Full PDB file with SEQRES, HELIX, SHEET, SSBOND, CRYST1, ORIGX, SCALE, CONECT and MASTER records, all heavy atoms in Angstrom:
SEQRES   1 A   41  PRO LEU PRO ALA GLY PHE VAL ARG LEU ALA ASP VAL ASP          
SEQRES   2 A   41  PRO THR ILE ARG GLN ASP ILE ARG TYR ALA GLY LEU GLU          
SEQRES   3 A   41  ASN PHE LEU HIS ARG LYS ALA ASP GLY TYR GLU ALA PRO          
SEQRES   4 A   41  VAL CYS                                                      
HELIX    1 AA1 LEU A    9  VAL A   12  1                                   4    
HELIX    2 AA2 ARG A   21  ALA A   23  5                                   3    
CRYST1    1.000    1.000    1.000  90.00  90.00  90.00 P 1           1          
ORIGX1      1.000000  0.000000  0.000000        0.00000                         
ORIGX2      0.000000  1.000000  0.000000        0.00000                         
ORIGX3      0.000000  0.000000  1.000000        0.00000                         
SCALE1      1.000000  0.000000  0.000000        0.00000                         
SCALE2      0.000000  1.000000  0.000000        0.00000                         
SCALE3      0.000000  0.000000  1.000000        0.00000                         
ATOM      1  N   PRO A   1      10.420  -0.622   9.384  1.00  0.00           N  
ATOM      2  CA  PRO A   1       9.305   0.059   8.574  1.00  0.00           C  
ATOM      3  C   PRO A   1       8.496   0.906   9.520  1.00  0.00           C  
ATOM      4  O   PRO A   1       7.562   1.582   9.034  1.00  0.00           O  
ATOM      5  CB  PRO A   1       8.464  -1.080   8.082  1.00  0.00           C  
ATOM      6  CG  PRO A   1       8.618  -2.108   9.197  1.00  0.00           C  
ATOM      7  CD  PRO A   1      10.034  -2.053   9.632  1.00  0.00           C  
ATOM      8  N   LEU A   2       8.760   1.105  10.804  1.00  0.00           N  
ATOM      9  CA  LEU A   2       8.008   1.865  11.681  1.00  0.00           C  
ATOM     10  C   LEU A   2       8.159   3.355  11.353  1.00  0.00           C  
ATOM     11  O   LEU A   2       9.196   3.803  10.951  1.00  0.00           O  
ATOM     12  CB  LEU A   2       8.403   1.700  13.088  1.00  0.00           C  
ATOM     13  CG  LEU A   2       8.279   0.290  13.777  1.00  0.00           C  
ATOM     14  CD1 LEU A   2       8.733   0.336  15.226  1.00  0.00           C  
ATOM     15  CD2 LEU A   2       6.823  -0.119  13.684  1.00  0.00           C  
ATOM     16  N   PRO A   3       7.063   4.100  11.389  1.00  0.00           N  
ATOM     17  CA  PRO A   3       7.130   5.566  11.220  1.00  0.00           C  
ATOM     18  C   PRO A   3       8.027   6.275  12.275  1.00  0.00           C  
ATOM     19  O   PRO A   3       8.258   5.674  13.301  1.00  0.00           O  
ATOM     20  CB  PRO A   3       5.684   6.086  11.421  1.00  0.00           C  
ATOM     21  CG  PRO A   3       4.884   4.806  11.243  1.00  0.00           C  
ATOM     22  CD  PRO A   3       5.666   3.639  11.719  1.00  0.00           C  
ATOM     23  N   ALA A   4       8.545   7.386  11.868  1.00  0.00           N  
ATOM     24  CA  ALA A   4       9.335   8.176  12.850  1.00  0.00           C  
ATOM     25  C   ALA A   4       8.627   8.359  14.106  1.00  0.00           C  
ATOM     26  O   ALA A   4       7.452   8.765  14.116  1.00  0.00           O  
ATOM     27  CB  ALA A   4       9.793   9.528  12.176  1.00  0.00           C  
ATOM     28  N   GLY A   5       9.274   8.176  15.195  1.00  0.00           N  
ATOM     29  CA  GLY A   5       8.766   8.403  16.514  1.00  0.00           C  
ATOM     30  C   GLY A   5       8.168   7.177  17.144  1.00  0.00           C  
ATOM     31  O   GLY A   5       7.828   7.186  18.379  1.00  0.00           O  
ATOM     32  N   PHE A   6       8.162   6.056  16.423  1.00  0.00           N  
ATOM     33  CA  PHE A   6       7.638   4.781  17.043  1.00  0.00           C  
ATOM     34  C   PHE A   6       8.768   3.816  17.225  1.00  0.00           C  
ATOM     35  O   PHE A   6       9.743   3.796  16.552  1.00  0.00           O  
ATOM     36  CB  PHE A   6       6.619   4.203  16.033  1.00  0.00           C  
ATOM     37  CG  PHE A   6       5.257   4.812  16.131  1.00  0.00           C  
ATOM     38  CD1 PHE A   6       5.033   5.947  15.354  1.00  0.00           C  
ATOM     39  CD2 PHE A   6       4.227   4.350  16.894  1.00  0.00           C  
ATOM     40  CE1 PHE A   6       3.784   6.643  15.422  1.00  0.00           C  
ATOM     41  CE2 PHE A   6       2.987   4.947  16.938  1.00  0.00           C  
ATOM     42  CZ  PHE A   6       2.788   6.129  16.251  1.00  0.00           C  
ATOM     43  N   VAL A   7       8.575   2.980  18.243  1.00  0.00           N  
ATOM     44  CA  VAL A   7       9.547   1.906  18.619  1.00  0.00           C  
ATOM     45  C   VAL A   7       8.804   0.653  18.997  1.00  0.00           C  
ATOM     46  O   VAL A   7       7.627   0.731  19.343  1.00  0.00           O  
ATOM     47  CB  VAL A   7      10.480   2.361  19.803  1.00  0.00           C  
ATOM     48  CG1 VAL A   7      11.288   3.599  19.402  1.00  0.00           C  
ATOM     49  CG2 VAL A   7       9.636   2.604  21.084  1.00  0.00           C  
ATOM     50  N   ARG A   8       9.548  -0.406  18.959  1.00  0.00           N  
ATOM     51  CA  ARG A   8       9.042  -1.675  19.577  1.00  0.00           C  
ATOM     52  C   ARG A   8       9.420  -1.709  21.011  1.00  0.00           C  
ATOM     53  O   ARG A   8      10.631  -1.498  21.296  1.00  0.00           O  
ATOM     54  CB  ARG A   8       9.523  -2.904  18.767  1.00  0.00           C  
ATOM     55  CG  ARG A   8       8.989  -2.992  17.358  1.00  0.00           C  
ATOM     56  CD  ARG A   8       9.402  -4.225  16.617  1.00  0.00           C  
ATOM     57  NE  ARG A   8       8.749  -4.201  15.289  1.00  0.00           N  
ATOM     58  CZ  ARG A   8       9.135  -3.464  14.268  1.00  0.00           C  
ATOM     59  NH1 ARG A   8      10.228  -2.777  14.297  1.00  0.00           N  
ATOM     60  NH2 ARG A   8       8.452  -3.510  13.116  1.00  0.00           N  
ATOM     61  N   LEU A   9       8.510  -2.045  21.899  1.00  0.00           N  
ATOM     62  CA  LEU A   9       8.764  -1.837  23.352  1.00  0.00           C  
ATOM     63  C   LEU A   9       9.943  -2.756  23.725  1.00  0.00           C  
ATOM     64  O   LEU A   9      10.721  -2.418  24.608  1.00  0.00           O  
ATOM     65  CB  LEU A   9       7.469  -2.250  24.107  1.00  0.00           C  
ATOM     66  CG  LEU A   9       7.647  -2.277  25.635  1.00  0.00           C  
ATOM     67  CD1 LEU A   9       7.976  -0.887  26.185  1.00  0.00           C  
ATOM     68  CD2 LEU A   9       6.256  -2.701  26.284  1.00  0.00           C  
ATOM     69  N   ALA A  10      10.082  -3.901  23.146  1.00  0.00           N  
ATOM     70  CA  ALA A  10      11.179  -4.876  23.523  1.00  0.00           C  
ATOM     71  C   ALA A  10      12.527  -4.248  23.171  1.00  0.00           C  
ATOM     72  O   ALA A  10      13.477  -4.599  23.923  1.00  0.00           O  
ATOM     73  CB  ALA A  10      10.975  -6.189  22.744  1.00  0.00           C  
ATOM     74  N   ASP A  11      12.627  -3.307  22.338  1.00  0.00           N  
ATOM     75  CA  ASP A  11      13.900  -2.663  22.002  1.00  0.00           C  
ATOM     76  C   ASP A  11      14.195  -1.616  23.086  1.00  0.00           C  
ATOM     77  O   ASP A  11      15.441  -1.209  23.241  1.00  0.00           O  
ATOM     78  CB  ASP A  11      13.865  -2.006  20.631  1.00  0.00           C  
ATOM     79  CG  ASP A  11      13.782  -3.073  19.536  1.00  0.00           C  
ATOM     80  OD1 ASP A  11      14.193  -4.152  19.720  1.00  0.00           O  
ATOM     81  OD2 ASP A  11      13.302  -2.653  18.484  1.00  0.00           O  
ATOM     82  N   VAL A  12      13.157  -1.109  23.828  1.00  0.00           N  
ATOM     83  CA  VAL A  12      13.469  -0.212  24.901  1.00  0.00           C  
ATOM     84  C   VAL A  12      13.525  -0.880  26.204  1.00  0.00           C  
ATOM     85  O   VAL A  12      14.403  -0.505  27.029  1.00  0.00           O  
ATOM     86  CB  VAL A  12      12.315   0.822  24.920  1.00  0.00           C  
ATOM     87  CG1 VAL A  12      12.380   1.779  26.080  1.00  0.00           C  
ATOM     88  CG2 VAL A  12      12.210   1.603  23.631  1.00  0.00           C  
ATOM     89  N   ASP A  13      12.653  -1.808  26.491  1.00  0.00           N  
ATOM     90  CA  ASP A  13      12.672  -2.555  27.755  1.00  0.00           C  
ATOM     91  C   ASP A  13      12.200  -3.965  27.533  1.00  0.00           C  
ATOM     92  O   ASP A  13      11.009  -4.256  27.593  1.00  0.00           O  
ATOM     93  CB  ASP A  13      11.790  -1.806  28.777  1.00  0.00           C  
ATOM     94  CG  ASP A  13      12.056  -2.345  30.216  1.00  0.00           C  
ATOM     95  OD1 ASP A  13      12.377  -3.566  30.360  1.00  0.00           O  
ATOM     96  OD2 ASP A  13      11.920  -1.561  31.129  1.00  0.00           O  
ATOM     97  N   PRO A  14      13.166  -4.926  27.361  1.00  0.00           N  
ATOM     98  CA  PRO A  14      12.705  -6.299  27.023  1.00  0.00           C  
ATOM     99  C   PRO A  14      12.209  -6.996  28.290  1.00  0.00           C  
ATOM    100  O   PRO A  14      11.781  -8.185  28.189  1.00  0.00           O  
ATOM    101  CB  PRO A  14      14.011  -6.940  26.503  1.00  0.00           C  
ATOM    102  CG  PRO A  14      15.029  -6.089  27.086  1.00  0.00           C  
ATOM    103  CD  PRO A  14      14.564  -4.704  27.169  1.00  0.00           C  
ATOM    104  N   THR A  15      12.379  -6.421  29.491  1.00  0.00           N  
ATOM    105  CA  THR A  15      11.853  -7.064  30.731  1.00  0.00           C  
ATOM    106  C   THR A  15      10.372  -7.027  30.913  1.00  0.00           C  
ATOM    107  O   THR A  15       9.781  -7.682  31.695  1.00  0.00           O  
ATOM    108  CB  THR A  15      12.560  -6.451  31.900  1.00  0.00           C  
ATOM    109  OG1 THR A  15      11.983  -5.121  32.190  1.00  0.00           O  
ATOM    110  CG2 THR A  15      14.078  -6.397  31.792  1.00  0.00           C  
ATOM    111  N   ILE A  16       9.667  -6.132  30.197  1.00  0.00           N  
ATOM    112  CA  ILE A  16       8.239  -5.984  30.305  1.00  0.00           C  
ATOM    113  C   ILE A  16       7.581  -7.191  29.495  1.00  0.00           C  
ATOM    114  O   ILE A  16       7.902  -7.377  28.384  1.00  0.00           O  
ATOM    115  CB  ILE A  16       7.776  -4.618  29.683  1.00  0.00           C  
ATOM    116  CG1 ILE A  16       8.312  -3.484  30.522  1.00  0.00           C  
ATOM    117  CG2 ILE A  16       6.243  -4.574  29.683  1.00  0.00           C  
ATOM    118  CD1 ILE A  16       7.938  -2.090  29.998  1.00  0.00           C  
ATOM    119  N   ARG A  17       6.687  -7.853  30.202  1.00  0.00           N  
ATOM    120  CA  ARG A  17       6.053  -9.056  29.622  1.00  0.00           C  
ATOM    121  C   ARG A  17       4.961  -8.552  28.641  1.00  0.00           C  
ATOM    122  O   ARG A  17       4.202  -7.625  28.911  1.00  0.00           O  
ATOM    123  CB  ARG A  17       5.381  -9.828  30.781  1.00  0.00           C  
ATOM    124  CG  ARG A  17       5.010 -11.238  30.328  1.00  0.00           C  
ATOM    125  CD  ARG A  17       4.379 -12.019  31.558  1.00  0.00           C  
ATOM    126  NE  ARG A  17       5.369 -12.193  32.511  1.00  0.00           N  
ATOM    127  CZ  ARG A  17       5.078 -12.711  33.766  1.00  0.00           C  
ATOM    128  NH1 ARG A  17       3.781 -12.912  34.094  1.00  0.00           N  
ATOM    129  NH2 ARG A  17       6.040 -12.844  34.715  1.00  0.00           N  
ATOM    130  N   GLN A  18       4.960  -9.323  27.491  1.00  0.00           N  
ATOM    131  CA  GLN A  18       4.000  -8.993  26.427  1.00  0.00           C  
ATOM    132  C   GLN A  18       3.005 -10.160  26.215  1.00  0.00           C  
ATOM    133  O   GLN A  18       3.481 -11.241  26.039  1.00  0.00           O  
ATOM    134  CB  GLN A  18       4.641  -8.628  25.135  1.00  0.00           C  
ATOM    135  CG  GLN A  18       5.616  -7.387  25.234  1.00  0.00           C  
ATOM    136  CD  GLN A  18       6.075  -6.924  23.883  1.00  0.00           C  
ATOM    137  OE1 GLN A  18       5.450  -7.083  22.863  1.00  0.00           O  
ATOM    138  NE2 GLN A  18       7.293  -6.303  23.873  1.00  0.00           N  
ATOM    139  N   ASP A  19       1.767  -9.800  26.184  1.00  0.00           N  
ATOM    140  CA  ASP A  19       0.658 -10.785  25.985  1.00  0.00           C  
ATOM    141  C   ASP A  19      -0.377 -10.089  25.028  1.00  0.00           C  
ATOM    142  O   ASP A  19      -1.464  -9.749  25.514  1.00  0.00           O  
ATOM    143  CB  ASP A  19       0.064 -11.227  27.319  1.00  0.00           C  
ATOM    144  CG  ASP A  19      -0.941 -12.277  27.226  1.00  0.00           C  
ATOM    145  OD1 ASP A  19      -1.120 -12.825  26.122  1.00  0.00           O  
ATOM    146  OD2 ASP A  19      -1.710 -12.594  28.168  1.00  0.00           O  
ATOM    147  N   ILE A  20       0.042  -9.875  23.798  1.00  0.00           N  
ATOM    148  CA  ILE A  20      -0.734  -9.108  22.856  1.00  0.00           C  
ATOM    149  C   ILE A  20      -1.993  -9.904  22.390  1.00  0.00           C  
ATOM    150  O   ILE A  20      -1.837 -10.713  21.554  1.00  0.00           O  
ATOM    151  CB  ILE A  20       0.119  -8.557  21.723  1.00  0.00           C  
ATOM    152  CG1 ILE A  20       1.350  -7.831  22.257  1.00  0.00           C  
ATOM    153  CG2 ILE A  20      -0.727  -7.640  20.821  1.00  0.00           C  
ATOM    154  CD1 ILE A  20       1.131  -6.722  23.209  1.00  0.00           C  
ATOM    155  N   ARG A  21      -3.126  -9.534  22.944  1.00  0.00           N  
ATOM    156  CA  ARG A  21      -4.322 -10.493  22.703  1.00  0.00           C  
ATOM    157  C   ARG A  21      -4.900 -10.322  21.353  1.00  0.00           C  
ATOM    158  O   ARG A  21      -5.494 -11.336  20.906  1.00  0.00           O  
ATOM    159  CB  ARG A  21      -5.343 -10.032  23.843  1.00  0.00           C  
ATOM    160  CG  ARG A  21      -4.917 -10.517  25.187  1.00  0.00           C  
ATOM    161  CD  ARG A  21      -4.913 -12.005  25.298  1.00  0.00           C  
ATOM    162  NE  ARG A  21      -4.384 -12.549  26.486  1.00  0.00           N  
ATOM    163  CZ  ARG A  21      -4.815 -13.680  27.135  1.00  0.00           C  
ATOM    164  NH1 ARG A  21      -5.963 -14.148  26.760  1.00  0.00           N  
ATOM    165  NH2 ARG A  21      -4.192 -14.074  28.124  1.00  0.00           N  
ATOM    166  N   TYR A  22      -4.881  -9.213  20.650  1.00  0.00           N  
ATOM    167  CA  TYR A  22      -5.498  -9.108  19.360  1.00  0.00           C  
ATOM    168  C   TYR A  22      -4.726  -9.715  18.229  1.00  0.00           C  
ATOM    169  O   TYR A  22      -5.222  -9.810  17.123  1.00  0.00           O  
ATOM    170  CB  TYR A  22      -5.848  -7.607  19.086  1.00  0.00           C  
ATOM    171  CG  TYR A  22      -6.701  -6.998  20.089  1.00  0.00           C  
ATOM    172  CD1 TYR A  22      -6.407  -5.672  20.565  1.00  0.00           C  
ATOM    173  CD2 TYR A  22      -7.886  -7.642  20.560  1.00  0.00           C  
ATOM    174  CE1 TYR A  22      -7.271  -5.080  21.557  1.00  0.00           C  
ATOM    175  CE2 TYR A  22      -8.636  -7.063  21.578  1.00  0.00           C  
ATOM    176  CZ  TYR A  22      -8.335  -5.803  22.062  1.00  0.00           C  
ATOM    177  OH  TYR A  22      -9.198  -5.217  23.003  1.00  0.00           O  
ATOM    178  N   ALA A  23      -3.550 -10.235  18.570  1.00  0.00           N  
ATOM    179  CA  ALA A  23      -2.806 -11.017  17.586  1.00  0.00           C  
ATOM    180  C   ALA A  23      -2.983 -12.428  17.582  1.00  0.00           C  
ATOM    181  O   ALA A  23      -2.506 -13.219  16.860  1.00  0.00           O  
ATOM    182  CB  ALA A  23      -1.259 -10.744  17.740  1.00  0.00           C  
ATOM    183  N   GLY A  24      -4.013 -12.867  18.549  1.00  0.00           N  
ATOM    184  CA  GLY A  24      -4.345 -14.323  18.627  1.00  0.00           C  
ATOM    185  C   GLY A  24      -5.771 -14.465  18.703  1.00  0.00           C  
ATOM    186  O   GLY A  24      -6.597 -13.675  18.205  1.00  0.00           O  
ATOM    187  N   LEU A  25      -6.248 -15.560  19.338  1.00  0.00           N  
ATOM    188  CA  LEU A  25      -7.627 -15.931  19.388  1.00  0.00           C  
ATOM    189  C   LEU A  25      -8.285 -15.678  20.722  1.00  0.00           C  
ATOM    190  O   LEU A  25      -9.565 -15.552  20.735  1.00  0.00           O  
ATOM    191  CB  LEU A  25      -7.801 -17.406  19.137  1.00  0.00           C  
ATOM    192  CG  LEU A  25      -7.152 -17.941  17.761  1.00  0.00           C  
ATOM    193  CD1 LEU A  25      -7.366 -19.468  17.690  1.00  0.00           C  
ATOM    194  CD2 LEU A  25      -7.788 -17.206  16.606  1.00  0.00           C  
ATOM    195  N   GLU A  26      -7.580 -15.503  21.770  1.00  0.00           N  
ATOM    196  CA  GLU A  26      -8.151 -15.245  23.123  1.00  0.00           C  
ATOM    197  C   GLU A  26      -8.466 -13.790  23.359  1.00  0.00           C  
ATOM    198  O   GLU A  26      -7.840 -13.075  24.117  1.00  0.00           O  
ATOM    199  CB  GLU A  26      -7.379 -15.811  24.188  1.00  0.00           C  
ATOM    200  CG  GLU A  26      -7.342 -17.345  24.206  1.00  0.00           C  
ATOM    201  CD  GLU A  26      -6.785 -17.900  25.445  1.00  0.00           C  
ATOM    202  OE1 GLU A  26      -5.841 -17.310  26.052  1.00  0.00           O  
ATOM    203  OE2 GLU A  26      -7.206 -18.953  25.914  1.00  0.00           O  
ATOM    204  N   ASN A  27      -9.515 -13.249  22.658  1.00  0.00           N  
ATOM    205  CA  ASN A  27      -9.965 -11.899  22.798  1.00  0.00           C  
ATOM    206  C   ASN A  27     -11.423 -11.892  22.488  1.00  0.00           C  
ATOM    207  O   ASN A  27     -11.995 -12.891  22.097  1.00  0.00           O  
ATOM    208  CB  ASN A  27      -9.163 -10.955  21.855  1.00  0.00           C  
ATOM    209  CG  ASN A  27      -9.283 -11.321  20.457  1.00  0.00           C  
ATOM    210  OD1 ASN A  27     -10.401 -11.255  19.802  1.00  0.00           O  
ATOM    211  ND2 ASN A  27      -8.180 -11.785  19.777  1.00  0.00           N  
ATOM    212  N   PHE A  28     -12.051 -10.734  22.635  1.00  0.00           N  
ATOM    213  CA  PHE A  28     -13.534 -10.660  22.542  1.00  0.00           C  
ATOM    214  C   PHE A  28     -14.004 -10.982  21.112  1.00  0.00           C  
ATOM    215  O   PHE A  28     -15.212 -11.329  20.856  1.00  0.00           O  
ATOM    216  CB  PHE A  28     -14.069  -9.401  23.004  1.00  0.00           C  
ATOM    217  CG  PHE A  28     -13.747  -8.153  22.155  1.00  0.00           C  
ATOM    218  CD1 PHE A  28     -14.560  -7.737  21.156  1.00  0.00           C  
ATOM    219  CD2 PHE A  28     -12.633  -7.434  22.376  1.00  0.00           C  
ATOM    220  CE1 PHE A  28     -14.305  -6.626  20.405  1.00  0.00           C  
ATOM    221  CE2 PHE A  28     -12.307  -6.369  21.657  1.00  0.00           C  
ATOM    222  CZ  PHE A  28     -13.107  -5.889  20.644  1.00  0.00           C  
ATOM    223  N   LEU A  29     -13.104 -10.815  20.055  1.00  0.00           N  
ATOM    224  CA  LEU A  29     -13.433 -11.147  18.700  1.00  0.00           C  
ATOM    225  C   LEU A  29     -13.405 -12.680  18.432  1.00  0.00           C  
ATOM    226  O   LEU A  29     -13.997 -13.168  17.465  1.00  0.00           O  
ATOM    227  CB  LEU A  29     -12.478 -10.474  17.774  1.00  0.00           C  
ATOM    228  CG  LEU A  29     -12.413  -8.955  17.683  1.00  0.00           C  
ATOM    229  CD1 LEU A  29     -11.210  -8.502  16.891  1.00  0.00           C  
ATOM    230  CD2 LEU A  29     -13.778  -8.331  17.166  1.00  0.00           C  
ATOM    231  N   HIS A  30     -12.693 -13.361  19.295  1.00  0.00           N  
ATOM    232  CA  HIS A  30     -12.489 -14.820  19.142  1.00  0.00           C  
ATOM    233  C   HIS A  30     -11.666 -15.092  17.772  1.00  0.00           C  
ATOM    234  O   HIS A  30     -11.718 -16.124  17.250  1.00  0.00           O  
ATOM    235  CB  HIS A  30     -13.726 -15.593  19.076  1.00  0.00           C  
ATOM    236  CG  HIS A  30     -14.491 -15.565  20.452  1.00  0.00           C  
ATOM    237  ND1 HIS A  30     -14.118 -16.246  21.545  1.00  0.00           N  
ATOM    238  CD2 HIS A  30     -15.549 -14.866  20.721  1.00  0.00           C  
ATOM    239  CE1 HIS A  30     -14.917 -15.995  22.504  1.00  0.00           C  
ATOM    240  NE2 HIS A  30     -15.855 -15.114  22.059  1.00  0.00           N  
ATOM    241  N   ARG A  31     -10.926 -14.112  17.421  1.00  0.00           N  
ATOM    242  CA  ARG A  31     -10.091 -14.253  16.245  1.00  0.00           C  
ATOM    243  C   ARG A  31      -8.998 -13.107  16.283  1.00  0.00           C  
ATOM    244  O   ARG A  31      -9.106 -12.160  17.016  1.00  0.00           O  
ATOM    245  CB  ARG A  31     -10.859 -14.193  14.877  1.00  0.00           C  
ATOM    246  CG  ARG A  31     -11.605 -12.878  14.677  1.00  0.00           C  
ATOM    247  CD  ARG A  31     -12.263 -12.744  13.347  1.00  0.00           C  
ATOM    248  NE  ARG A  31     -13.122 -11.565  13.199  1.00  0.00           N  
ATOM    249  CZ  ARG A  31     -12.672 -10.361  12.960  1.00  0.00           C  
ATOM    250  NH1 ARG A  31     -11.356 -10.055  12.933  1.00  0.00           N  
ATOM    251  NH2 ARG A  31     -13.509  -9.290  12.839  1.00  0.00           N  
ATOM    252  N   LYS A  32      -8.073 -13.186  15.272  1.00  0.00           N  
ATOM    253  CA  LYS A  32      -7.047 -12.163  15.127  1.00  0.00           C  
ATOM    254  C   LYS A  32      -7.719 -10.857  14.619  1.00  0.00           C  
ATOM    255  O   LYS A  32      -8.592 -10.983  13.711  1.00  0.00           O  
ATOM    256  CB  LYS A  32      -5.988 -12.581  14.341  1.00  0.00           C  
ATOM    257  CG  LYS A  32      -4.781 -11.630  14.155  1.00  0.00           C  
ATOM    258  CD  LYS A  32      -3.744 -12.138  13.214  1.00  0.00           C  
ATOM    259  CE  LYS A  32      -3.097 -13.443  13.673  1.00  0.00           C  
ATOM    260  NZ  LYS A  32      -1.903 -13.913  12.907  1.00  0.00           N  
ATOM    261  N   ALA A  33      -7.341  -9.750  15.151  1.00  0.00           N  
ATOM    262  CA  ALA A  33      -7.876  -8.431  14.607  1.00  0.00           C  
ATOM    263  C   ALA A  33      -7.127  -7.999  13.382  1.00  0.00           C  
ATOM    264  O   ALA A  33      -5.901  -8.364  13.240  1.00  0.00           O  
ATOM    265  CB  ALA A  33      -7.812  -7.357  15.733  1.00  0.00           C  
ATOM    266  N   ASP A  34      -7.730  -7.373  12.466  1.00  0.00           N  
ATOM    267  CA  ASP A  34      -7.124  -6.912  11.268  1.00  0.00           C  
ATOM    268  C   ASP A  34      -5.908  -5.921  11.559  1.00  0.00           C  
ATOM    269  O   ASP A  34      -5.974  -5.122  12.427  1.00  0.00           O  
ATOM    270  CB  ASP A  34      -8.144  -6.062  10.387  1.00  0.00           C  
ATOM    271  CG  ASP A  34      -7.552  -5.825   8.989  1.00  0.00           C  
ATOM    272  OD1 ASP A  34      -6.585  -6.447   8.560  1.00  0.00           O  
ATOM    273  OD2 ASP A  34      -8.259  -4.995   8.286  1.00  0.00           O  
ATOM    274  N   GLY A  35      -4.755  -6.192  10.937  1.00  0.00           N  
ATOM    275  CA  GLY A  35      -3.620  -5.360  11.144  1.00  0.00           C  
ATOM    276  C   GLY A  35      -2.639  -5.840  12.134  1.00  0.00           C  
ATOM    277  O   GLY A  35      -1.502  -5.327  12.319  1.00  0.00           O  
ATOM    278  N   TYR A  36      -2.986  -6.959  12.917  1.00  0.00           N  
ATOM    279  CA  TYR A  36      -2.023  -7.500  13.880  1.00  0.00           C  
ATOM    280  C   TYR A  36      -1.280  -8.702  13.115  1.00  0.00           C  
ATOM    281  O   TYR A  36      -1.825  -9.817  13.225  1.00  0.00           O  
ATOM    282  CB  TYR A  36      -2.759  -7.954  15.108  1.00  0.00           C  
ATOM    283  CG  TYR A  36      -3.142  -6.835  16.066  1.00  0.00           C  
ATOM    284  CD1 TYR A  36      -4.321  -6.091  15.801  1.00  0.00           C  
ATOM    285  CD2 TYR A  36      -2.338  -6.496  17.110  1.00  0.00           C  
ATOM    286  CE1 TYR A  36      -4.646  -4.988  16.645  1.00  0.00           C  
ATOM    287  CE2 TYR A  36      -2.678  -5.476  17.940  1.00  0.00           C  
ATOM    288  CZ  TYR A  36      -3.864  -4.695  17.696  1.00  0.00           C  
ATOM    289  OH  TYR A  36      -4.279  -3.659  18.552  1.00  0.00           O  
ATOM    290  N   GLU A  37      -0.107  -8.420  12.699  1.00  0.00           N  
ATOM    291  CA  GLU A  37       0.655  -9.517  11.981  1.00  0.00           C  
ATOM    292  C   GLU A  37       1.604 -10.180  12.945  1.00  0.00           C  
ATOM    293  O   GLU A  37       2.226 -11.230  12.618  1.00  0.00           O  
ATOM    294  CB  GLU A  37       1.394  -8.881  10.812  1.00  0.00           C  
ATOM    295  CG  GLU A  37       0.489  -8.229   9.802  1.00  0.00           C  
ATOM    296  CD  GLU A  37       1.297  -7.628   8.582  1.00  0.00           C  
ATOM    297  OE1 GLU A  37       2.432  -7.810   8.611  1.00  0.00           O  
ATOM    298  OE2 GLU A  37       0.550  -6.954   7.755  1.00  0.00           O  
ATOM    299  N   ALA A  38       1.752  -9.670  14.157  1.00  0.00           N  
ATOM    300  CA  ALA A  38       2.698 -10.263  15.046  1.00  0.00           C  
ATOM    301  C   ALA A  38       2.229  -9.837  16.569  1.00  0.00           C  
ATOM    302  O   ALA A  38       1.649  -8.786  16.752  1.00  0.00           O  
ATOM    303  CB  ALA A  38       4.134  -9.946  14.860  1.00  0.00           C  
ATOM    304  N   PRO A  39       2.406 -10.625  17.545  1.00  0.00           N  
ATOM    305  CA  PRO A  39       2.182 -10.323  18.984  1.00  0.00           C  
ATOM    306  C   PRO A  39       3.212  -9.401  19.550  1.00  0.00           C  
ATOM    307  O   PRO A  39       3.935  -9.786  20.463  1.00  0.00           O  
ATOM    308  CB  PRO A  39       2.068 -11.660  19.630  1.00  0.00           C  
ATOM    309  CG  PRO A  39       3.038 -12.521  18.891  1.00  0.00           C  
ATOM    310  CD  PRO A  39       3.025 -12.038  17.488  1.00  0.00           C  
ATOM    311  N   VAL A  40       3.293  -8.161  19.036  1.00  0.00           N  
ATOM    312  CA  VAL A  40       4.348  -7.254  19.408  1.00  0.00           C  
ATOM    313  C   VAL A  40       3.728  -5.946  19.907  1.00  0.00           C  
ATOM    314  O   VAL A  40       2.803  -5.407  19.253  1.00  0.00           O  
ATOM    315  CB  VAL A  40       5.226  -7.020  18.180  1.00  0.00           C  
ATOM    316  CG1 VAL A  40       6.258  -5.994  18.476  1.00  0.00           C  
ATOM    317  CG2 VAL A  40       5.961  -8.323  17.828  1.00  0.00           C  
ATOM    318  N   CYS A  41       4.306  -5.352  20.971  1.00  0.00           N  
ATOM    319  CA  CYS A  41       3.929  -4.081  21.413  1.00  0.00           C  
ATOM    320  C   CYS A  41       4.764  -3.006  20.678  1.00  0.00           C  
ATOM    321  O   CYS A  41       5.971  -2.961  20.826  1.00  0.00           O  
ATOM    322  CB  CYS A  41       4.140  -4.021  22.916  1.00  0.00           C  
ATOM    323  SG  CYS A  41       3.816  -2.315  23.684  1.00  0.00           S  
TER     324      CYS A  41                                                      
MASTER        0    0    0    2    0    0    0    6  323    1    0    4          
END                                                                             
């Protein structure tokens, strides 16, 4: 479903470590941010 021109980083380089903070609780909001349905770059 990604728009043209966008990719998931893991499909380009799976060796880069991902720690997507706004998809979880350990961020300055102390909750998930709107629009983050998965911890994916």
